[in-house]
Amino acid sequence: MNQHLNRSLLAIVQQWNPFGYSIDVYEIEAADVVRAVYEYEDVEKLARKIQAIYEFAFEQKIPLAKCIALAHELLMMKADSECTL
């Protein structure tokens, strides 16, 4: 895994802030999402994983459309990184 890419992905996930909490509240979930980016190539599958990660941790469901937007951005960033290696 590329450390620069991981830091960039982590920064995007932490800035996403779906519940309006302080970003340090999301450390574990953000790391889980970054790991999931390497497990899923499909935007909708990644989005559902993101939704499940946050729902498990916070007992609140994020609308799938918001998760899809984040998943798309993260997968595009990963693809761009792979193209430049």
PDB file of N, CA and C in Angstrom:
ATOM      1  N   MET A   1       0.841  -1.191   0.000  1.00  0.00           N
ATOM      2  CA  MET A   1       0.000   0.000   0.000  1.00  0.00           C
ATOM      3  C   MET A   1       0.885   1.253   0.000  1.00  0.00           C
ATOM      4  N   ASN A   2       0.459   2.227  -0.687  1.00  0.00           N
ATOM      5  CA  ASN A   2       1.186   3.473  -0.850  1.00  0.00           C
ATOM      6  C   ASN A   2       0.885   4.403   0.328  1.00  0.00           C
ATOM      7  N   GLN A   3       1.924   4.785   1.086  1.00  0.00           N
ATOM      8  CA  GLN A   3       1.719   5.630   2.265  1.00  0.00           C
ATOM      9  C   GLN A   3       1.141   6.995   1.907  1.00  0.00           C
ATOM     10  N   HIS A   4       1.617   7.568   0.816  1.00  0.00           N
ATOM     11  CA  HIS A   4       1.098   8.876   0.407  1.00  0.00           C
ATOM     12  C   HIS A   4      -0.398   8.770   0.062  1.00  0.00           C
ATOM     13  N   LEU A   5      -0.744   7.734  -0.677  1.00  0.00           N
ATOM     14  CA  LEU A   5      -2.146   7.518  -1.023  1.00  0.00           C
ATOM     15  C   LEU A   5      -2.975   7.301   0.235  1.00  0.00           C
ATOM     16  N   ASN A   6      -2.469   6.496   1.154  1.00  0.00           N
ATOM     17  CA  ASN A   6      -3.212   6.242   2.390  1.00  0.00           C
ATOM     18  C   ASN A   6      -3.472   7.520   3.170  1.00  0.00           C
ATOM     19  N   ARG A   7      -2.467   8.383   3.268  1.00  0.00           N
ATOM     20  CA  ARG A   7      -2.655   9.657   3.978  1.00  0.00           C
ATOM     21  C   ARG A   7      -3.684  10.531   3.266  1.00  0.00           C
ATOM     22  N   SER A   8      -3.631  10.534   1.935  1.00  0.00           N
ATOM     23  CA  SER A   8      -4.589  11.332   1.163  1.00  0.00           C
ATOM     24  C   SER A   8      -6.015  10.796   1.337  1.00  0.00           C
ATOM     25  N   LEU A   9      -6.149   9.469   1.259  1.00  0.00           N
ATOM     26  CA  LEU A   9      -7.472   8.859   1.460  1.00  0.00           C
ATOM     27  C   LEU A   9      -7.996   9.161   2.861  1.00  0.00           C
ATOM     28  N   LEU A  10      -7.130   9.025   3.851  1.00  0.00           N
ATOM     29  CA  LEU A  10      -7.517   9.272   5.239  1.00  0.00           C
ATOM     30  C   LEU A  10      -7.976  10.717   5.424  1.00  0.00           C
ATOM     31  N   ALA A  11      -7.261  11.646   4.818  1.00  0.00           N
ATOM     32  CA  ALA A  11      -7.636  13.062   4.930  1.00  0.00           C
ATOM     33  C   ALA A  11      -9.021  13.314   4.337  1.00  0.00           C
ATOM     34  N   ILE A  12      -9.304  12.701   3.190  1.00  0.00           N
ATOM     35  CA  ILE A  12     -10.624  12.864   2.558  1.00  0.00           C
ATOM     36  C   ILE A  12     -11.718  12.299   3.466  1.00  0.00           C
ATOM     37  N   VAL A  13     -11.493  11.112   4.007  1.00  0.00           N
ATOM     38  CA  VAL A  13     -12.500  10.470   4.856  1.00  0.00           C
ATOM     39  C   VAL A  13     -12.722  11.300   6.118  1.00  0.00           C
ATOM     40  N   GLN A  14     -11.658  11.795   6.725  1.00  0.00           N
ATOM     41  CA  GLN A  14     -11.806  12.585   7.950  1.00  0.00           C
ATOM     42  C   GLN A  14     -12.532  13.907   7.679  1.00  0.00           C
ATOM     43  N   GLN A  15     -12.288  14.510   6.531  1.00  0.00           N
ATOM     44  CA  GLN A  15     -12.969  15.761   6.184  1.00  0.00           C
ATOM     45  C   GLN A  15     -14.446  15.539   5.876  1.00  0.00           C
ATOM     46  N   TRP A  16     -14.792  14.328   5.498  1.00  0.00           N
ATOM     47  CA  TRP A  16     -16.173  14.010   5.117  1.00  0.00           C
ATOM     48  C   TRP A  16     -17.120  14.295   6.275  1.00  0.00           C
ATOM     49  N   ASN A  17     -16.820  13.849   7.468  1.00  0.00           N
ATOM     50  CA  ASN A  17     -17.529  14.189   8.698  1.00  0.00           C
ATOM     51  C   ASN A  17     -19.060  14.089   8.577  1.00  0.00           C
ATOM     52  N   PRO A  18     -19.598  12.891   8.394  1.00  0.00           N
ATOM     53  CA  PRO A  18     -21.024  12.732   8.126  1.00  0.00           C
ATOM     54  C   PRO A  18     -21.966  13.123   9.261  1.00  0.00           C
ATOM     55  N   PHE A  19     -21.466  13.159  10.492  1.00  0.00           N
ATOM     56  CA  PHE A  19     -22.344  13.469  11.617  1.00  0.00           C
ATOM     57  C   PHE A  19     -22.024  14.801  12.293  1.00  0.00           C
ATOM     58  N   GLY A  20     -21.035  15.521  11.783  1.00  0.00           N
ATOM     59  CA  GLY A  20     -20.711  16.833  12.331  1.00  0.00           C
ATOM     60  C   GLY A  20     -19.946  16.804  13.641  1.00  0.00           C
ATOM     61  N   TYR A  21     -19.320  15.685  13.958  1.00  0.00           N
ATOM     62  CA  TYR A  21     -18.506  15.591  15.171  1.00  0.00           C
ATOM     63  C   TYR A  21     -17.103  16.106  14.869  1.00  0.00           C
ATOM     64  N   SER A  22     -16.296  16.197  15.916  1.00  0.00           N
ATOM     65  CA  SER A  22     -14.885  16.543  15.722  1.00  0.00           C
ATOM     66  C   SER A  22     -14.221  15.391  14.956  1.00  0.00           C
ATOM     67  N   ILE A  23     -13.264  15.703  14.069  1.00  0.00           N
ATOM     68  CA  ILE A  23     -12.720  14.661  13.191  1.00  0.00           C
ATOM     69  C   ILE A  23     -11.995  13.555  13.943  1.00  0.00           C
ATOM     70  N   ASP A  24     -11.490  13.838  15.146  1.00  0.00           N
ATOM     71  CA  ASP A  24     -10.784  12.788  15.886  1.00  0.00           C
ATOM     72  C   ASP A  24     -11.724  11.687  16.360  1.00  0.00           C
ATOM     73  N   VAL A  25     -13.025  11.938  16.335  1.00  0.00           N
ATOM     74  CA  VAL A  25     -14.017  10.929  16.717  1.00  0.00           C
ATOM     75  C   VAL A  25     -14.046   9.790  15.692  1.00  0.00           C
ATOM     76  N   TYR A  26     -13.645  10.080  14.470  1.00  0.00           N
ATOM     77  CA  TYR A  26     -13.765   9.131  13.368  1.00  0.00           C
ATOM     78  C   TYR A  26     -12.492   8.344  13.064  1.00  0.00           C
ATOM     79  N   GLU A  27     -11.485   8.388  13.915  1.00  0.00           N
ATOM     80  CA  GLU A  27     -10.198   7.777  13.590  1.00  0.00           C
ATOM     81  C   GLU A  27     -10.313   6.310  13.198  1.00  0.00           C
ATOM     82  N   ILE A  28     -10.988   5.514  13.999  1.00  0.00           N
ATOM     83  CA  ILE A  28     -11.105   4.078  13.731  1.00  0.00           C
ATOM     84  C   ILE A  28     -11.901   3.840  12.453  1.00  0.00           C
ATOM     85  N   GLU A  29     -13.014   4.536  12.319  1.00  0.00           N
ATOM     86  CA  GLU A  29     -13.857   4.356  11.138  1.00  0.00           C
ATOM     87  C   GLU A  29     -13.131   4.799   9.869  1.00  0.00           C
ATOM     88  N   ALA A  30     -12.403   5.901   9.965  1.00  0.00           N
ATOM     89  CA  ALA A  30     -11.661   6.386   8.800  1.00  0.00           C
ATOM     90  C   ALA A  30     -10.618   5.357   8.361  1.00  0.00           C
ATOM     91  N   ALA A  31      -9.921   4.770   9.318  1.00  0.00           N
ATOM     92  CA  ALA A  31      -8.930   3.732   8.990  1.00  0.00           C
ATOM     93  C   ALA A  31      -9.606   2.516   8.369  1.00  0.00           C
ATOM     94  N   ASP A  32     -10.778   2.148   8.884  1.00  0.00           N
ATOM     95  CA  ASP A  32     -11.531   1.024   8.317  1.00  0.00           C
ATOM     96  C   ASP A  32     -11.947   1.316   6.874  1.00  0.00           C
ATOM     97  N   VAL A  33     -12.342   2.545   6.613  1.00  0.00           N
ATOM     98  CA  VAL A  33     -12.749   2.925   5.252  1.00  0.00           C
ATOM     99  C   VAL A  33     -11.548   2.858   4.310  1.00  0.00           C
ATOM    100  N   VAL A  34     -10.399   3.340   4.749  1.00  0.00           N
ATOM    101  CA  VAL A  34      -9.198   3.282   3.906  1.00  0.00           C
ATOM    102  C   VAL A  34      -8.865   1.832   3.574  1.00  0.00           C
ATOM    103  N   ARG A  35      -8.946   0.944   4.556  1.00  0.00           N
ATOM    104  CA  ARG A  35      -8.711  -0.480   4.288  1.00  0.00           C
ATOM    105  C   ARG A  35      -9.712  -1.009   3.267  1.00  0.00           C
ATOM    106  N   ALA A  36     -10.960  -0.598   3.396  1.00  0.00           N
ATOM    107  CA  ALA A  36     -12.016  -1.071   2.490  1.00  0.00           C
ATOM    108  C   ALA A  36     -11.771  -0.627   1.052  1.00  0.00           C
ATOM    109  N   VAL A  37     -11.122   0.517   0.876  1.00  0.00           N
ATOM    110  CA  VAL A  37     -10.817   1.006  -0.481  1.00  0.00           C
ATOM    111  C   VAL A  37      -9.965  -0.016  -1.236  1.00  0.00           C
ATOM    112  N   TYR A  38      -9.129  -0.740  -0.514  1.00  0.00           N
ATOM    113  CA  TYR A  38      -8.276  -1.751  -1.140  1.00  0.00           C
ATOM    114  C   TYR A  38      -9.008  -3.084  -1.341  1.00  0.00           C
ATOM    115  N   GLU A  39     -10.141  -3.252  -0.679  1.00  0.00           N
ATOM    116  CA  GLU A  39     -10.905  -4.499  -0.782  1.00  0.00           C
ATOM    117  C   GLU A  39     -11.975  -4.451  -1.871  1.00  0.00           C
ATOM    118  N   TYR A  40     -12.457  -3.268  -2.195  1.00  0.00           N
ATOM    119  CA  TYR A  40     -13.574  -3.117  -3.122  1.00  0.00           C
ATOM    120  C   TYR A  40     -13.180  -2.251  -4.313  1.00  0.00           C
ATOM    121  N   GLU A  41     -13.561  -2.697  -5.493  1.00  0.00           N
ATOM    122  CA  GLU A  41     -13.344  -1.916  -6.715  1.00  0.00           C
ATOM    123  C   GLU A  41     -14.656  -1.290  -7.191  1.00  0.00           C
ATOM    124  N   ASP A  42     -15.766  -1.803  -6.709  1.00  0.00           N
ATOM    125  CA  ASP A  42     -17.098  -1.359  -7.124  1.00  0.00           C
ATOM    126  C   ASP A  42     -17.583  -0.239  -6.202  1.00  0.00           C
ATOM    127  N   VAL A  43     -18.007   0.873  -6.786  1.00  0.00           N
ATOM    128  CA  VAL A  43     -18.428   2.043  -6.009  1.00  0.00           C
ATOM    129  C   VAL A  43     -19.569   1.700  -5.054  1.00  0.00           C
ATOM    130  N   GLU A  44     -20.593   1.009  -5.553  1.00  0.00           N
ATOM    131  CA  GLU A  44     -21.745   0.730  -4.690  1.00  0.00           C
ATOM    132  C   GLU A  44     -21.379  -0.224  -3.550  1.00  0.00           C
ATOM    133  N   LYS A  45     -20.550  -1.215  -3.828  1.00  0.00           N
ATOM    134  CA  LYS A  45     -20.136  -2.145  -2.764  1.00  0.00           C
ATOM    135  C   LYS A  45     -19.312  -1.417  -1.703  1.00  0.00           C
ATOM    136  N   LEU A  46     -18.412  -0.555  -2.143  1.00  0.00           N
ATOM    137  CA  LEU A  46     -17.626   0.230  -1.191  1.00  0.00           C
ATOM    138  C   LEU A  46     -18.542   1.160  -0.402  1.00  0.00           C
ATOM    139  N   ALA A  47     -19.491   1.779  -1.076  1.00  0.00           N
ATOM    140  CA  ALA A  47     -20.423   2.684  -0.405  1.00  0.00           C
ATOM    141  C   ALA A  47     -21.214   1.952   0.679  1.00  0.00           C
ATOM    142  N   ARG A  48     -21.663   0.755   0.376  1.00  0.00           N
ATOM    143  CA  ARG A  48     -22.408  -0.027   1.367  1.00  0.00           C
ATOM    144  C   ARG A  48     -21.512  -0.417   2.548  1.00  0.00           C
ATOM    145  N   LYS A  49     -20.241  -0.683   2.273  1.00  0.00           N
ATOM    146  CA  LYS A  49     -19.288  -0.988   3.341  1.00  0.00           C
ATOM    147  C   LYS A  49     -19.076   0.246   4.222  1.00  0.00           C
ATOM    148  N   ILE A  50     -18.910   1.396   3.604  1.00  0.00           N
ATOM    149  CA  ILE A  50     -18.748   2.652   4.350  1.00  0.00           C
ATOM    150  C   ILE A  50     -19.971   2.887   5.231  1.00  0.00           C
ATOM    151  N   GLN A  51     -21.146   2.725   4.649  1.00  0.00           N
ATOM    152  CA  GLN A  51     -22.392   2.898   5.390  1.00  0.00           C
ATOM    153  C   GLN A  51     -22.431   1.960   6.600  1.00  0.00           C
ATOM    154  N   ALA A  52     -22.037   0.714   6.406  1.00  0.00           N
ATOM    155  CA  ALA A  52     -22.063  -0.280   7.476  1.00  0.00           C
ATOM    156  C   ALA A  52     -21.050   0.054   8.575  1.00  0.00           C
ATOM    157  N   ILE A  53     -19.869   0.530   8.192  1.00  0.00           N
ATOM    158  CA  ILE A  53     -18.838   0.888   9.171  1.00  0.00           C
ATOM    159  C   ILE A  53     -19.357   1.974  10.116  1.00  0.00           C
ATOM    160  N   TYR A  54     -19.926   3.008   9.545  1.00  0.00           N
ATOM    161  CA  TYR A  54     -20.408   4.128  10.367  1.00  0.00           C
ATOM    162  C   TYR A  54     -21.679   3.769  11.139  1.00  0.00           C
ATOM    163  N   GLU A  55     -22.539   2.973  10.525  1.00  0.00           N
ATOM    164  CA  GLU A  55     -23.762   2.571  11.221  1.00  0.00           C
ATOM    165  C   GLU A  55     -23.419   1.709  12.433  1.00  0.00           C
ATOM    166  N   PHE A  56     -22.455   0.812  12.295  1.00  0.00           N
ATOM    167  CA  PHE A  56     -22.035  -0.039  13.403  1.00  0.00           C
ATOM    168  C   PHE A  56     -21.475   0.811  14.547  1.00  0.00           C
ATOM    169  N   ALA A  57     -20.660   1.792  14.215  1.00  0.00           N
ATOM    170  CA  ALA A  57     -19.987   2.599  15.235  1.00  0.00           C
ATOM    171  C   ALA A  57     -20.895   3.624  15.893  1.00  0.00           C
ATOM    172  N   PHE A  58     -21.789   4.231  15.119  1.00  0.00           N
ATOM    173  CA  PHE A  58     -22.562   5.358  15.627  1.00  0.00           C
ATOM    174  C   PHE A  58     -24.066   5.089  15.730  1.00  0.00           C
ATOM    175  N   GLU A  59     -24.477   3.910  15.310  1.00  0.00           N
ATOM    176  CA  GLU A  59     -25.893   3.525  15.347  1.00  0.00           C
ATOM    177  C   GLU A  59     -26.782   4.538  14.633  1.00  0.00           C
ATOM    178  N   GLN A  60     -26.238   5.105  13.563  1.00  0.00           N
ATOM    179  CA  GLN A  60     -26.979   6.018  12.695  1.00  0.00           C
ATOM    180  C   GLN A  60     -26.660   5.623  11.263  1.00  0.00           C
ATOM    181  N   LYS A  61     -27.665   5.676  10.419  1.00  0.00           N
ATOM    182  CA  LYS A  61     -27.463   5.298   9.023  1.00  0.00           C
ATOM    183  C   LYS A  61     -27.242   6.551   8.179  1.00  0.00           C
ATOM    184  N   ILE A  62     -26.171   6.526   7.408  1.00  0.00           N
ATOM    185  CA  ILE A  62     -25.883   7.608   6.473  1.00  0.00           C
ATOM    186  C   ILE A  62     -26.593   7.269   5.168  1.00  0.00           C
ATOM    187  N   PRO A  63     -27.266   8.232   4.533  1.00  0.00           N
ATOM    188  CA  PRO A  63     -27.909   7.941   3.248  1.00  0.00           C
ATOM    189  C   PRO A  63     -26.890   7.364   2.250  1.00  0.00           C
ATOM    190  N   LEU A  64     -27.302   6.327   1.551  1.00  0.00           N
ATOM    191  CA  LEU A  64     -26.406   5.639   0.626  1.00  0.00           C
ATOM    192  C   LEU A  64     -25.826   6.592  -0.415  1.00  0.00           C
ATOM    193  N   ALA A  65     -26.606   7.559  -0.863  1.00  0.00           N
ATOM    194  CA  ALA A  65     -26.114   8.509  -1.879  1.00  0.00           C
ATOM    195  C   ALA A  65     -24.868   9.250  -1.393  1.00  0.00           C
ATOM    196  N   LYS A  66     -24.822   9.611  -0.127  1.00  0.00           N
ATOM    197  CA  LYS A  66     -23.644  10.287   0.425  1.00  0.00           C
ATOM    198  C   LYS A  66     -22.450   9.334   0.454  1.00  0.00           C
ATOM    199  N   CYS A  67     -22.719   8.091   0.786  1.00  0.00           N
ATOM    200  CA  CYS A  67     -21.649   7.087   0.822  1.00  0.00           C
ATOM    201  C   CYS A  67     -21.131   6.798  -0.581  1.00  0.00           C
ATOM    202  N   ILE A  68     -22.034   6.793  -1.557  1.00  0.00           N
ATOM    203  CA  ILE A  68     -21.639   6.573  -2.950  1.00  0.00           C
ATOM    204  C   ILE A  68     -20.727   7.700  -3.426  1.00  0.00           C
ATOM    205  N   ALA A  69     -21.063   8.926  -3.064  1.00  0.00           N
ATOM    206  CA  ALA A  69     -20.219  10.063  -3.470  1.00  0.00           C
ATOM    207  C   ALA A  69     -18.814   9.928  -2.887  1.00  0.00           C
ATOM    208  N   LEU A  70     -18.718   9.548  -1.618  1.00  0.00           N
ATOM    209  CA  LEU A  70     -17.411   9.365  -0.991  1.00  0.00           C
ATOM    210  C   LEU A  70     -16.675   8.190  -1.623  1.00  0.00           C
ATOM    211  N   ALA A  71     -17.364   7.083  -1.813  1.00  0.00           N
ATOM    212  CA  ALA A  71     -16.741   5.889  -2.406  1.00  0.00           C
ATOM    213  C   ALA A  71     -16.198   6.206  -3.790  1.00  0.00           C
ATOM    214  N   HIS A  72     -16.956   6.935  -4.575  1.00  0.00           N
ATOM    215  CA  HIS A  72     -16.520   7.314  -5.924  1.00  0.00           C
ATOM    216  C   HIS A  72     -15.238   8.148  -5.857  1.00  0.00           C
ATOM    217  N   GLU A  73     -15.221   9.124  -4.973  1.00  0.00           N
ATOM    218  CA  GLU A  73     -14.042   9.988  -4.832  1.00  0.00           C
ATOM    219  C   GLU A  73     -12.814   9.174  -4.407  1.00  0.00           C
ATOM    220  N   LEU A  74     -13.007   8.269  -3.450  1.00  0.00           N
ATOM    221  CA  LEU A  74     -11.883   7.473  -2.948  1.00  0.00           C
ATOM    222  C   LEU A  74     -11.355   6.517  -4.011  1.00  0.00           C
ATOM    223  N   LEU A  75     -12.250   5.871  -4.736  1.00  0.00           N
ATOM    224  CA  LEU A  75     -11.808   4.935  -5.779  1.00  0.00           C
ATOM    225  C   LEU A  75     -11.136   5.667  -6.944  1.00  0.00           C
ATOM    226  N   MET A  76     -11.612   6.860  -7.248  1.00  0.00           N
ATOM    227  CA  MET A  76     -10.964   7.661  -8.301  1.00  0.00           C
ATOM    228  C   MET A  76      -9.556   8.050  -7.860  1.00  0.00           C
ATOM    229  N   MET A  77      -9.410   8.434  -6.605  1.00  0.00           N
ATOM    230  CA  MET A  77      -8.101   8.797  -6.088  1.00  0.00           C
ATOM    231  C   MET A  77      -7.155   7.594  -6.141  1.00  0.00           C
ATOM    232  N   LYS A  78      -7.664   6.423  -5.781  1.00  0.00           N
ATOM    233  CA  LYS A  78      -6.847   5.207  -5.827  1.00  0.00           C
ATOM    234  C   LYS A  78      -6.446   4.892  -7.276  1.00  0.00           C
ATOM    235  N   ALA A  79      -7.382   4.987  -8.202  1.00  0.00           N
ATOM    236  CA  ALA A  79      -7.104   4.713  -9.609  1.00  0.00           C
ATOM    237  C   ALA A  79      -6.072   5.697 -10.162  1.00  0.00           C
ATOM    238  N   ASP A  80      -6.206   6.962  -9.815  1.00  0.00           N
ATOM    239  CA  ASP A  80      -5.244   7.969 -10.276  1.00  0.00           C
ATOM    240  C   ASP A  80      -3.848   7.668  -9.745  1.00  0.00           C
ATOM    241  N   SER A  81      -3.784   7.214  -8.514  1.00  0.00           N
ATOM    242  CA  SER A  81      -2.504   6.880  -7.894  1.00  0.00           C
ATOM    243  C   SER A  81      -1.864   5.672  -8.594  1.00  0.00           C
ATOM    244  N   GLU A  82      -2.675   4.700  -8.938  1.00  0.00           N
ATOM    245  CA  GLU A  82      -2.155   3.509  -9.613  1.00  0.00           C
ATOM    246  C   GLU A  82      -1.653   3.835 -11.004  1.00  0.00           C
ATOM    247  N   CYS A  83      -2.266   4.813 -11.640  1.00  0.00           N
ATOM    248  CA  CYS A  83      -1.852   5.191 -12.992  1.00  0.00           C
ATOM    249  C   CYS A  83      -0.514   5.928 -12.981  1.00  0.00           C
ATOM    250  N   THR A  84      -0.192   6.594 -11.903  1.00  0.00           N
ATOM    251  CA  THR A  84       1.046   7.379 -11.852  1.00  0.00           C
ATOM    252  C   THR A  84       2.216   6.600 -11.286  1.00  0.00           C
ATOM    253  N   LEU A  85       1.983   5.387 -10.815  1.00  0.00           N
ATOM    254  CA  LEU A  85       3.084   4.613 -10.226  1.00  0.00           C
ATOM    255  C   LEU A  85       4.000   4.047 -11.266  1.00  0.00           C
TER     256      LEU A  85
END
